[in-house]
Amino acid sequence: MLRLSIDYECPAPTWWEKGGRELWDSVAEGFDGSSVVLDDHLAESWLVRASGITGWNGGPDYAPHPIALSAVADDDVFI
């Protein structure tokens, strides 16, 4: 399982305006809005689409993308 979460240190206004908002909303619906836990394949597929939107690489070195990826420990997953 992987967690996708909004990286607030990377504002990326172009990415959000050029389709990032709609893409994020399509996967974050029903969650708290700032992060979502997905199976690996779905998260990786989502990231491929997200990286194709203008502005994806517009952040600083410490926060290069508007969405951050992190692993989720098995004991952190609630079903």
N, C-alpha and C. Protein backbone atom coordinates (compact mmCIF):
# COMPACT_ATOMS: atom_id res chain seq x y z
N MET A 1 0.84 -1.17 0.00
CA MET A 1 0.00 0.00 0.00
C MET A 1 0.89 1.25 0.00
N LEU A 2 0.41 2.26 -0.69
CA LEU A 2 1.13 3.52 -0.78
C LEU A 2 0.20 4.68 -0.43
N ARG A 3 0.78 5.70 0.19
CA ARG A 3 0.01 6.89 0.54
C ARG A 3 0.41 8.02 -0.42
N LEU A 4 -0.59 8.62 -1.02
CA LEU A 4 -0.40 9.84 -1.81
C LEU A 4 -0.94 10.97 -0.94
N SER A 5 -0.17 12.04 -0.83
CA SER A 5 -0.63 13.16 -0.03
C SER A 5 -0.19 14.48 -0.65
N ILE A 6 -1.00 15.49 -0.46
CA ILE A 6 -0.68 16.81 -0.96
C ILE A 6 0.57 17.30 -0.24
N ASP A 7 1.55 17.74 -1.00
CA ASP A 7 2.76 18.31 -0.42
C ASP A 7 2.59 19.83 -0.41
N TYR A 8 2.22 20.35 0.73
CA TYR A 8 1.93 21.77 0.84
C TYR A 8 3.16 22.66 0.68
N GLU A 9 4.35 22.07 0.68
CA GLU A 9 5.57 22.84 0.45
C GLU A 9 5.83 23.05 -1.04
N CYS A 10 5.03 22.41 -1.88
CA CYS A 10 5.12 22.57 -3.33
C CYS A 10 3.78 23.07 -3.83
N PRO A 11 3.59 24.37 -3.93
CA PRO A 11 2.28 24.90 -4.30
C PRO A 11 1.83 24.51 -5.71
N ALA A 12 2.74 24.49 -6.69
CA ALA A 12 2.46 24.05 -8.07
C ALA A 12 1.12 24.55 -8.62
N PRO A 13 0.88 25.85 -8.63
CA PRO A 13 -0.42 26.35 -9.11
C PRO A 13 -0.73 25.92 -10.54
N THR A 14 0.27 25.86 -11.39
CA THR A 14 0.02 25.45 -12.78
C THR A 14 -0.49 24.02 -12.83
N TRP A 15 0.11 23.13 -12.07
CA TRP A 15 -0.31 21.73 -12.06
C TRP A 15 -1.77 21.61 -11.60
N TRP A 16 -2.11 22.28 -10.53
CA TRP A 16 -3.48 22.22 -10.01
C TRP A 16 -4.47 22.80 -11.01
N GLU A 17 -4.11 23.87 -11.71
CA GLU A 17 -5.02 24.51 -12.67
C GLU A 17 -5.14 23.76 -13.99
N LYS A 18 -4.11 23.05 -14.39
CA LYS A 18 -4.09 22.37 -15.69
C LYS A 18 -4.63 20.94 -15.66
N GLY A 19 -5.26 20.55 -14.59
CA GLY A 19 -5.86 19.22 -14.53
C GLY A 19 -5.52 18.43 -13.28
N GLY A 20 -4.57 18.91 -12.50
CA GLY A 20 -4.18 18.22 -11.28
C GLY A 20 -5.30 18.15 -10.25
N ARG A 21 -6.05 19.25 -10.12
CA ARG A 21 -7.16 19.27 -9.15
C ARG A 21 -8.18 18.18 -9.48
N GLU A 22 -8.58 18.07 -10.74
CA GLU A 22 -9.56 17.07 -11.13
C GLU A 22 -9.02 15.65 -10.92
N LEU A 23 -7.74 15.46 -11.27
CA LEU A 23 -7.13 14.13 -11.08
C LEU A 23 -7.07 13.78 -9.60
N TRP A 24 -6.67 14.73 -8.76
CA TRP A 24 -6.60 14.48 -7.32
C TRP A 24 -8.00 14.19 -6.76
N ASP A 25 -8.97 14.99 -7.15
CA ASP A 25 -10.33 14.78 -6.65
C ASP A 25 -10.88 13.42 -7.06
N SER A 26 -10.46 12.91 -8.21
CA SER A 26 -10.96 11.62 -8.67
C SER A 26 -10.51 10.47 -7.79
N VAL A 27 -9.39 10.63 -7.11
CA VAL A 27 -8.89 9.55 -6.26
C VAL A 27 -9.09 9.84 -4.77
N ALA A 28 -9.20 11.09 -4.39
CA ALA A 28 -9.30 11.45 -2.98
C ALA A 28 -10.72 11.52 -2.46
N GLU A 29 -11.71 11.35 -3.32
CA GLU A 29 -13.10 11.41 -2.89
C GLU A 29 -13.37 10.37 -1.81
N GLY A 30 -13.97 10.78 -0.74
CA GLY A 30 -14.28 9.88 0.36
C GLY A 30 -13.18 9.81 1.41
N PHE A 31 -12.05 10.46 1.15
CA PHE A 31 -10.98 10.51 2.14
C PHE A 31 -10.95 11.91 2.73
N ASP A 32 -9.95 12.20 3.54
CA ASP A 32 -9.91 13.51 4.20
C ASP A 32 -9.53 14.66 3.27
N GLY A 33 -9.19 14.36 2.03
CA GLY A 33 -8.88 15.40 1.06
C GLY A 33 -7.41 15.73 0.93
N SER A 34 -6.61 15.41 1.95
CA SER A 34 -5.19 15.74 1.86
C SER A 34 -4.31 14.52 1.64
N SER A 35 -4.87 13.31 1.84
CA SER A 35 -4.10 12.10 1.56
C SER A 35 -5.05 10.94 1.28
N VAL A 36 -4.49 9.94 0.62
CA VAL A 36 -5.26 8.75 0.27
C VAL A 36 -4.31 7.56 0.26
N VAL A 37 -4.79 6.40 0.68
CA VAL A 37 -4.01 5.17 0.66
C VAL A 37 -4.57 4.28 -0.44
N LEU A 38 -3.67 3.85 -1.33
CA LEU A 38 -4.06 3.03 -2.48
C LEU A 38 -3.15 1.83 -2.59
N ASP A 39 -3.61 0.79 -3.31
CA ASP A 39 -2.69 -0.31 -3.56
C ASP A 39 -1.59 0.19 -4.49
N ASP A 40 -0.46 -0.49 -4.49
CA ASP A 40 0.73 -0.03 -5.20
C ASP A 40 0.46 0.25 -6.67
N HIS A 41 -0.19 -0.68 -7.34
CA HIS A 41 -0.41 -0.54 -8.78
C HIS A 41 -1.26 0.69 -9.10
N LEU A 42 -2.33 0.91 -8.35
CA LEU A 42 -3.19 2.06 -8.59
C LEU A 42 -2.46 3.37 -8.31
N ALA A 43 -1.70 3.42 -7.21
CA ALA A 43 -0.95 4.62 -6.88
C ALA A 43 0.09 4.93 -7.96
N GLU A 44 0.81 3.91 -8.42
CA GLU A 44 1.82 4.12 -9.45
C GLU A 44 1.19 4.58 -10.76
N SER A 45 0.05 4.00 -11.12
CA SER A 45 -0.66 4.41 -12.33
C SER A 45 -1.12 5.85 -12.21
N TRP A 46 -1.62 6.23 -11.05
CA TRP A 46 -2.07 7.59 -10.82
C TRP A 46 -0.90 8.57 -10.97
N LEU A 47 0.25 8.20 -10.41
CA LEU A 47 1.43 9.06 -10.49
C LEU A 47 1.92 9.25 -11.92
N VAL A 48 1.80 8.24 -12.75
CA VAL A 48 2.17 8.38 -14.16
C VAL A 48 1.30 9.44 -14.82
N ARG A 49 0.00 9.38 -14.57
CA ARG A 49 -0.90 10.40 -15.12
C ARG A 49 -0.60 11.78 -14.56
N ALA A 50 -0.37 11.85 -13.25
CA ALA A 50 -0.09 13.14 -12.60
C ALA A 50 1.19 13.77 -13.13
N SER A 51 2.19 12.96 -13.38
CA SER A 51 3.47 13.50 -13.84
C SER A 51 3.40 14.03 -15.26
N GLY A 52 2.37 13.67 -16.00
CA GLY A 52 2.19 14.17 -17.35
C GLY A 52 1.51 15.53 -17.44
N ILE A 53 1.06 16.04 -16.32
CA ILE A 53 0.38 17.34 -16.30
C ILE A 53 1.43 18.44 -16.10
N THR A 54 1.31 19.49 -16.89
CA THR A 54 2.23 20.63 -16.81
C THR A 54 2.32 21.15 -15.38
N GLY A 55 3.55 21.37 -14.91
CA GLY A 55 3.77 21.90 -13.58
C GLY A 55 4.15 20.87 -12.54
N TRP A 56 4.13 19.59 -12.91
CA TRP A 56 4.44 18.52 -11.95
C TRP A 56 5.81 18.70 -11.31
N ASN A 57 6.80 19.10 -12.08
CA ASN A 57 8.17 19.23 -11.58
C ASN A 57 8.50 20.67 -11.19
N GLY A 58 7.53 21.44 -10.78
CA GLY A 58 7.74 22.86 -10.54
C GLY A 58 8.15 23.26 -9.15
N GLY A 59 8.33 22.32 -8.25
CA GLY A 59 8.63 22.68 -6.87
C GLY A 59 10.12 22.79 -6.58
N PRO A 60 10.44 23.18 -5.36
CA PRO A 60 11.85 23.27 -4.95
C PRO A 60 12.45 21.88 -4.77
N ASP A 61 13.76 21.80 -4.60
CA ASP A 61 14.44 20.51 -4.46
C ASP A 61 13.87 19.65 -3.33
N TYR A 62 13.49 20.26 -2.23
CA TYR A 62 12.99 19.49 -1.08
C TYR A 62 11.52 19.07 -1.24
N ALA A 63 10.82 19.62 -2.21
CA ALA A 63 9.42 19.28 -2.46
C ALA A 63 9.14 19.47 -3.95
N PRO A 64 9.67 18.58 -4.79
CA PRO A 64 9.61 18.81 -6.23
C PRO A 64 8.24 18.64 -6.88
N HIS A 65 7.33 17.90 -6.23
CA HIS A 65 6.04 17.59 -6.83
C HIS A 65 4.90 17.99 -5.89
N PRO A 66 3.74 18.30 -6.44
CA PRO A 66 2.60 18.70 -5.60
C PRO A 66 2.01 17.56 -4.78
N ILE A 67 2.29 16.33 -5.17
CA ILE A 67 1.80 15.15 -4.45
C ILE A 67 3.00 14.31 -4.03
N ALA A 68 3.05 13.96 -2.75
CA ALA A 68 4.14 13.15 -2.21
C ALA A 68 3.70 11.70 -2.11
N LEU A 69 4.67 10.81 -2.22
CA LEU A 69 4.43 9.37 -2.15
C LEU A 69 5.17 8.82 -0.94
N SER A 70 4.51 7.95 -0.17
CA SER A 70 5.17 7.30 0.95
C SER A 70 4.60 5.90 1.13
N ALA A 71 5.42 5.01 1.64
CA ALA A 71 4.97 3.64 1.90
C ALA A 71 4.09 3.64 3.15
N VAL A 72 3.19 2.68 3.20
CA VAL A 72 2.31 2.53 4.35
C VAL A 72 2.61 1.18 4.98
N ALA A 73 2.92 1.17 6.26
CA ALA A 73 3.17 -0.08 6.97
C ALA A 73 1.86 -0.87 7.06
N ASP A 74 1.99 -2.18 7.03
CA ASP A 74 0.80 -3.04 7.08
C ASP A 74 -0.07 -2.75 8.30
N ASP A 75 0.53 -2.41 9.43
CA ASP A 75 -0.25 -2.16 10.63
C ASP A 75 -0.89 -0.76 10.65
N ASP A 76 -0.61 0.07 9.62
CA ASP A 76 -1.21 1.38 9.50
C ASP A 76 -2.46 1.38 8.63
N VAL A 77 -2.75 0.27 7.99
CA VAL A 77 -3.89 0.18 7.07
C VAL A 77 -5.13 -0.26 7.83
N PHE A 78 -6.18 0.50 7.69
CA PHE A 78 -7.47 0.18 8.33
C PHE A 78 -8.45 -0.26 7.27
N ILE A 79 -9.08 -1.35 7.50
CA ILE A 79 -10.06 -1.86 6.52
C ILE A 79 -11.45 -1.81 7.11
